N, C-alpha and C. Protein backbone atom coordinates (compact mmCIF):
# COMPACT_ATOMS: atom_id res chain seq x y z
N UNK A 1 -21.18 -0.92 4.04
CA UNK A 1 -20.02 0.24 4.04
C UNK A 1 -19.00 -0.16 3.74
N UNK A 2 -18.66 -1.67 4.07
CA UNK A 2 -17.66 -2.22 3.81
C UNK A 2 -17.13 -2.82 2.13
N UNK A 3 -18.72 -3.01 1.63
CA UNK A 3 -18.54 -3.24 0.41
C UNK A 3 -18.11 -2.28 -0.68
N UNK A 4 -18.70 -0.62 -0.50
CA UNK A 4 -18.19 0.64 -1.07
C UNK A 4 -16.82 0.64 -0.71
N UNK A 5 -16.26 0.63 0.47
CA UNK A 5 -14.69 0.66 1.01
C UNK A 5 -13.66 -0.17 -0.47
N UNK A 6 -14.28 -1.69 -0.47
CA UNK A 6 -13.56 -2.70 -0.87
C UNK A 6 -13.88 -1.89 -2.37
N UNK A 7 -14.88 -1.97 -2.74
CA UNK A 7 -14.98 -1.42 -4.47
C UNK A 7 -14.29 0.06 -4.63
N UNK A 8 -13.90 0.82 -3.53
CA UNK A 8 -12.80 2.15 -3.91
C UNK A 8 -11.79 1.48 -3.92
N UNK A 9 -11.55 0.67 -2.93
CA UNK A 9 -9.74 0.42 -2.85
C UNK A 9 -9.69 -0.42 -4.14
N UNK A 10 -10.81 -1.33 -5.10
CA UNK A 10 -10.51 -1.75 -6.09
C UNK A 10 -10.16 -1.18 -7.38
N UNK A 11 -11.18 0.09 -7.56
CA UNK A 11 -10.72 1.11 -8.35
C UNK A 11 -9.64 1.35 -8.05
N UNK A 12 -9.15 2.29 -7.10
CA UNK A 12 -8.02 2.61 -7.19
C UNK A 12 -7.02 1.86 -7.41
N UNK A 13 -6.91 0.55 -7.08
CA UNK A 13 -5.41 -0.18 -7.66
C UNK A 13 -5.71 -0.52 -8.82
N UNK A 14 -6.95 -0.31 -9.69
CA UNK A 14 -6.81 -0.77 -10.94
C UNK A 14 -6.39 0.36 -11.83
N UNK A 15 -6.75 2.36 -11.15
CA UNK A 15 -5.76 2.79 -12.29
C UNK A 15 -4.95 3.09 -11.63
N UNK A 16 -3.94 2.82 -10.64
CA UNK A 16 -2.90 2.91 -10.17
C UNK A 16 -1.90 2.07 -10.57
N UNK A 17 -2.26 0.54 -10.83
CA UNK A 17 -1.88 -0.46 -11.57
C UNK A 17 -1.76 -0.34 -13.34
N UNK A 18 -2.68 0.59 -13.90
CA UNK A 18 -2.72 0.70 -15.26
C UNK A 18 -1.16 0.82 -15.86
N UNK A 19 -0.83 0.12 -17.37
CA UNK A 19 0.44 0.43 -17.51
C UNK A 19 0.33 2.05 -18.08
N UNK A 20 -0.91 2.39 -18.88
CA UNK A 20 -1.10 3.62 -19.37
C UNK A 20 -1.00 4.95 -18.31
N UNK A 21 -1.28 4.62 -17.04
CA UNK A 21 -1.53 5.56 -16.11
C UNK A 21 0.20 5.84 -15.64
N UNK A 22 0.70 4.64 -14.93
CA UNK A 22 1.88 4.51 -14.74
C UNK A 22 3.02 5.22 -15.74
N UNK A 23 2.69 4.97 -16.82
CA UNK A 23 3.44 5.31 -17.61
C UNK A 23 3.70 6.59 -18.19
N UNK A 24 2.32 7.30 -18.31
CA UNK A 24 1.99 8.96 -18.63
C UNK A 24 2.56 10.04 -17.04
N UNK A 25 1.85 9.08 -16.25
CA UNK A 25 2.91 10.18 -15.43
C UNK A 25 4.14 10.22 -15.13
N UNK A 26 5.56 8.94 -15.12
CA UNK A 26 6.39 8.75 -15.41
C UNK A 26 6.81 9.99 -16.12
N UNK A 27 6.47 9.95 -17.71
CA UNK A 27 7.10 10.51 -18.85
C UNK A 27 6.80 12.13 -18.88
N UNK A 28 5.23 11.90 -17.63
CA UNK A 28 4.88 13.67 -17.67
C UNK A 28 5.86 13.86 -16.58
N UNK A 29 6.55 13.67 -15.71
CA UNK A 29 7.36 14.55 -14.91
C UNK A 29 9.08 14.50 -15.43
N UNK A 30 9.11 14.05 -16.16
CA UNK A 30 10.59 13.68 -17.07
C UNK A 30 10.22 15.11 -17.96
N UNK A 31 9.35 15.15 -19.02
CA UNK A 31 8.77 16.10 -19.75
C UNK A 31 8.58 17.53 -18.80
N UNK A 32 8.10 17.85 -17.43
CA UNK A 32 7.67 18.68 -17.42
C UNK A 32 8.62 18.70 -15.80
N UNK A 33 10.02 18.36 -15.60
CA UNK A 33 10.82 18.50 -14.52
C UNK A 33 11.37 19.87 -14.17
N UNK A 34 11.18 20.77 -14.99
CA UNK A 34 11.21 22.22 -14.66
C UNK A 34 9.82 22.62 -13.89
N UNK A 35 9.04 22.19 -13.91
CA UNK A 35 7.55 23.11 -13.24
C UNK A 35 8.06 22.27 -11.83
N UNK A 36 7.87 20.89 -11.79
CA UNK A 36 8.21 20.50 -10.63
C UNK A 36 9.59 21.22 -9.61
N UNK A 37 10.82 21.21 -9.98
CA UNK A 37 11.75 22.16 -9.65
C UNK A 37 11.15 23.15 -9.21
N UNK A 38 10.26 23.76 -9.98
CA UNK A 38 9.79 25.66 -9.31
C UNK A 38 8.96 25.16 -8.31
N UNK A 39 7.99 24.09 -8.33
CA UNK A 39 6.83 24.11 -7.51
C UNK A 39 8.04 23.95 -6.16
N UNK A 40 8.96 23.07 -5.76
CA UNK A 40 9.01 22.73 -4.87
C UNK A 40 10.21 23.50 -4.63
N UNK A 41 10.60 24.65 -5.08
CA UNK A 41 11.46 25.62 -4.62
C UNK A 41 10.84 26.30 -3.63
N UNK A 42 11.31 26.29 -2.24
CA UNK A 42 10.92 27.09 -1.23
C UNK A 42 11.07 28.59 -1.06
N UNK A 43 12.26 28.75 -1.74
CA UNK A 43 12.97 30.03 -1.97
C UNK A 43 12.29 31.40 -2.74
N UNK A 44 11.40 30.66 -3.53
CA UNK A 44 10.58 31.55 -4.46
C UNK A 44 9.37 32.00 -3.79
N UNK A 45 9.20 33.46 -4.28
CA UNK A 45 7.70 33.37 -3.57
C UNK A 45 6.33 33.22 -4.50
N UNK A 46 5.29 33.06 -4.09
CA UNK A 46 4.28 32.92 -5.04
C UNK A 46 4.32 33.38 -6.40
N UNK A 47 3.95 35.05 -6.40
CA UNK A 47 4.45 35.31 -7.44
C UNK A 47 5.42 34.98 -8.34
N UNK A 48 6.73 34.87 -8.16
CA UNK A 48 8.10 34.48 -8.84
C UNK A 48 7.75 33.21 -9.41
N UNK A 49 7.08 32.36 -8.53
CA UNK A 49 6.73 30.94 -9.28
C UNK A 49 5.88 30.82 -10.12
N UNK A 50 4.98 31.74 -10.51
CA UNK A 50 3.84 31.89 -11.58
C UNK A 50 4.47 32.35 -12.66
N UNK A 51 5.35 33.77 -12.10
CA UNK A 51 6.32 33.95 -13.52
C UNK A 51 7.26 33.25 -14.17
N UNK A 52 7.62 32.23 -13.48
CA UNK A 52 8.50 31.32 -13.81
C UNK A 52 8.00 30.06 -14.60
N UNK A 53 6.91 29.56 -13.70
CA UNK A 53 5.87 28.67 -14.80
C UNK A 53 5.04 29.19 -15.91
N UNK A 54 4.87 30.70 -16.10
CA UNK A 54 4.77 31.24 -17.64
C UNK A 54 5.63 30.94 -18.42
N UNK A 55 6.78 31.55 -18.04
CA UNK A 55 7.96 31.87 -18.53
C UNK A 55 8.35 30.25 -19.52
N UNK A 56 8.35 29.04 -18.86
CA UNK A 56 8.78 27.77 -19.52
C UNK A 56 7.28 27.60 -20.43
N UNK A 57 5.84 28.02 -20.13
CA UNK A 57 5.17 27.25 -20.78
C UNK A 57 4.20 28.52 -21.55
N UNK A 58 5.37 29.80 -22.28
CA UNK A 58 5.20 30.97 -22.87
C UNK A 58 4.56 30.28 -24.28
N UNK A 59 5.51 29.50 -24.71
CA UNK A 59 5.01 29.27 -26.15
C UNK A 59 4.81 27.55 -26.39
N UNK A 60 4.08 26.92 -25.63
CA UNK A 60 4.07 25.35 -25.30
C UNK A 60 2.77 24.98 -25.86
N UNK A 61 2.06 25.51 -26.43
CA UNK A 61 0.68 25.46 -27.12
C UNK A 61 0.58 24.92 -28.39
N UNK A 62 0.06 24.17 -29.10
CA UNK A 62 -0.14 24.11 -30.44
C UNK A 62 -1.78 23.97 -30.75
N UNK A 63 -1.84 25.33 -31.62
CA UNK A 63 -3.27 24.98 -32.22
C UNK A 63 -3.53 23.54 -33.47
N UNK A 64 -4.51 22.84 -33.20
CA UNK A 64 -4.92 22.38 -34.20
C UNK A 64 -6.44 22.79 -34.71
N UNK A 65 -6.43 23.21 -35.75
CA UNK A 65 -7.17 23.64 -36.78
C UNK A 65 -8.07 24.75 -35.94
N UNK A 66 -7.25 25.72 -35.11
CA UNK A 66 -7.83 26.70 -34.20
C UNK A 66 -8.95 26.49 -33.15
N UNK A 67 -9.12 24.94 -33.06
CA UNK A 67 -9.94 24.54 -32.43
C UNK A 67 -9.53 24.32 -30.59
N UNK A 68 -8.74 23.60 -30.73
CA UNK A 68 -7.99 23.18 -29.21
C UNK A 68 -6.49 23.80 -29.24
N UNK A 69 -6.33 23.73 -28.15
CA UNK A 69 -4.76 24.47 -27.66
C UNK A 69 -3.91 23.11 -27.01
N UNK A 70 -3.18 22.09 -27.76
CA UNK A 70 -2.96 21.39 -27.14
C UNK A 70 -1.79 21.47 -26.29
N UNK A 71 -1.18 21.86 -25.32
CA UNK A 71 0.04 21.82 -24.84
C UNK A 71 0.97 20.83 -24.99
N UNK A 72 2.46 21.12 -25.91
CA UNK A 72 2.84 20.33 -25.99
C UNK A 72 4.02 19.44 -25.02
N UNK A 73 4.69 19.88 -24.08
CA UNK A 73 5.02 19.52 -22.78
C UNK A 73 3.62 18.98 -22.38
N UNK A 74 2.70 19.51 -21.87
CA UNK A 74 2.12 19.12 -20.71
C UNK A 74 1.27 17.62 -21.12
N UNK A 75 1.15 17.31 -22.28
CA UNK A 75 0.01 16.58 -22.88
C UNK A 75 0.59 15.62 -23.59
N UNK A 76 0.75 16.21 -25.26
CA UNK A 76 1.33 15.52 -26.04
C UNK A 76 2.30 15.07 -26.27
N UNK A 77 3.32 15.64 -25.71
CA UNK A 77 4.88 14.35 -25.60
C UNK A 77 5.00 13.22 -25.16
N UNK A 78 4.23 13.80 -23.56
CA UNK A 78 4.44 12.47 -22.67
C UNK A 78 3.19 11.17 -22.98
N UNK A 79 2.17 11.73 -23.72
CA UNK A 79 1.21 10.68 -24.36
C UNK A 79 1.65 10.40 -25.81
N UNK A 80 2.81 10.97 -26.21
CA UNK A 80 3.29 9.92 -27.53
C UNK A 80 3.96 9.39 -26.99
N UNK A 81 5.44 9.74 -25.91
CA UNK A 81 6.25 8.33 -25.46
C UNK A 81 5.24 7.01 -25.10
N UNK A 82 4.40 7.68 -23.96
CA UNK A 82 3.84 6.72 -23.26
C UNK A 82 3.10 5.61 -24.57
N UNK A 83 2.73 6.43 -25.41
CA UNK A 83 1.99 4.83 -26.21
C UNK A 83 3.18 4.45 -26.76
N UNK A 84 4.20 5.28 -27.50
CA UNK A 84 5.22 4.22 -28.19
C UNK A 84 5.78 3.05 -26.94
N UNK A 85 5.89 3.41 -25.85
CA UNK A 85 6.58 2.35 -24.58
C UNK A 85 5.56 1.29 -24.24
N UNK A 86 4.07 1.96 -24.65
CA UNK A 86 3.12 0.71 -24.68
C UNK A 86 2.90 -0.28 -25.72
N UNK A 87 2.82 0.27 -26.80
CA UNK A 87 2.44 -0.46 -27.81
C UNK A 87 3.96 -0.67 -28.93
N UNK A 88 4.91 -0.22 -28.59
CA UNK A 88 5.86 -0.52 -29.26
C UNK A 88 6.83 -0.84 -29.08
N UNK A 89 7.28 -0.89 -27.93
CA UNK A 89 8.20 -1.52 -26.85
C UNK A 89 7.85 -3.24 -27.18
N UNK A 90 7.02 -3.33 -26.98
CA UNK A 90 6.61 -4.77 -26.63
C UNK A 90 7.08 -5.81 -28.15
N UNK A 91 7.02 -5.41 -29.08
CA UNK A 91 6.87 -6.05 -30.36
C UNK A 91 8.80 -5.51 -30.47
N UNK A 92 9.46 -4.64 -30.07
CA UNK A 92 11.35 -4.58 -30.47
C UNK A 92 11.82 -5.96 -29.60
N UNK A 93 11.13 -5.53 -28.05
CA UNK A 93 11.10 -6.63 -27.33
C UNK A 93 11.12 -7.96 -27.80
N UNK A 94 10.28 -8.73 -27.77
CA UNK A 94 10.08 -9.93 -28.58
C UNK A 94 10.82 -10.46 -29.82
N UNK A 95 11.29 -9.25 -30.48
CA UNK A 95 12.11 -9.56 -31.52
C UNK A 95 13.15 -9.68 -31.07
N UNK A 96 13.91 -8.83 -30.20
CA UNK A 96 15.02 -9.19 -29.58
C UNK A 96 15.04 -10.35 -29.04
N UNK A 97 13.89 -10.88 -27.95
CA UNK A 97 14.15 -12.22 -27.84
C UNK A 97 14.46 -13.09 -28.56
N UNK A 98 13.51 -13.19 -29.57
CA UNK A 98 13.55 -14.28 -30.81
C UNK A 98 14.93 -14.36 -31.46
N UNK A 99 15.72 -12.92 -31.80
CA UNK A 99 16.97 -13.21 -31.65
C UNK A 99 17.74 -13.64 -31.02
N UNK A 100 17.79 -13.41 -30.05
CA UNK A 100 18.49 -14.28 -28.99
C UNK A 100 18.32 -15.55 -28.92
N UNK A 101 17.06 -16.11 -28.62
CA UNK A 101 17.11 -17.59 -28.92
C UNK A 101 17.64 -18.27 -30.29
N UNK A 102 16.95 -17.47 -31.19
CA UNK A 102 17.68 -18.06 -32.37
C UNK A 102 19.48 -18.35 -32.06
N UNK A 103 20.13 -17.20 -31.90
CA UNK A 103 21.28 -16.78 -31.60
C UNK A 103 21.89 -18.19 -30.51
N UNK A 104 21.15 -18.55 -29.58
CA UNK A 104 21.75 -19.59 -28.37
C UNK A 104 21.37 -20.72 -28.91
N UNK A 105 20.15 -21.32 -29.72
CA UNK A 105 20.34 -22.26 -30.71
C UNK A 105 21.66 -22.81 -31.87
N UNK A 106 21.84 -21.62 -32.12
CA UNK A 106 23.38 -21.53 -33.28
C UNK A 106 24.06 -21.81 -32.46
N UNK A 107 24.54 -21.63 -31.47
CA UNK A 107 25.75 -21.80 -30.88
C UNK A 107 25.63 -23.23 -29.98
N UNK A 108 24.59 -23.87 -29.68
CA UNK A 108 24.30 -25.14 -29.37
C UNK A 108 25.06 -25.99 -30.30
N UNK A 109 24.58 -25.72 -31.61
CA UNK A 109 24.98 -26.53 -32.53
C UNK A 109 26.26 -26.74 -33.20
């Protein structure tokens, strides 16, 4: 039983410490802040919340070859920002670090 619990904990830790999942959740929250505000608003009734959510996401889907309806704010934009953050940002950071070291070496001369 303890092995199962340890395996479950290890799986949860691996998934929550993933840069992809953490970044995606962060950017999803940023792109869908209106949804979160509506859900946390205790003054609205359930029907008003559903109507508000429907109004926000009324034109949020793009059809790709009429096969898939991909929600823009719900999936596409946060995924693109996450991939850019994970795949492109390290190259930019590496370039800036090399430029800074080069500049520091020139100052020492």
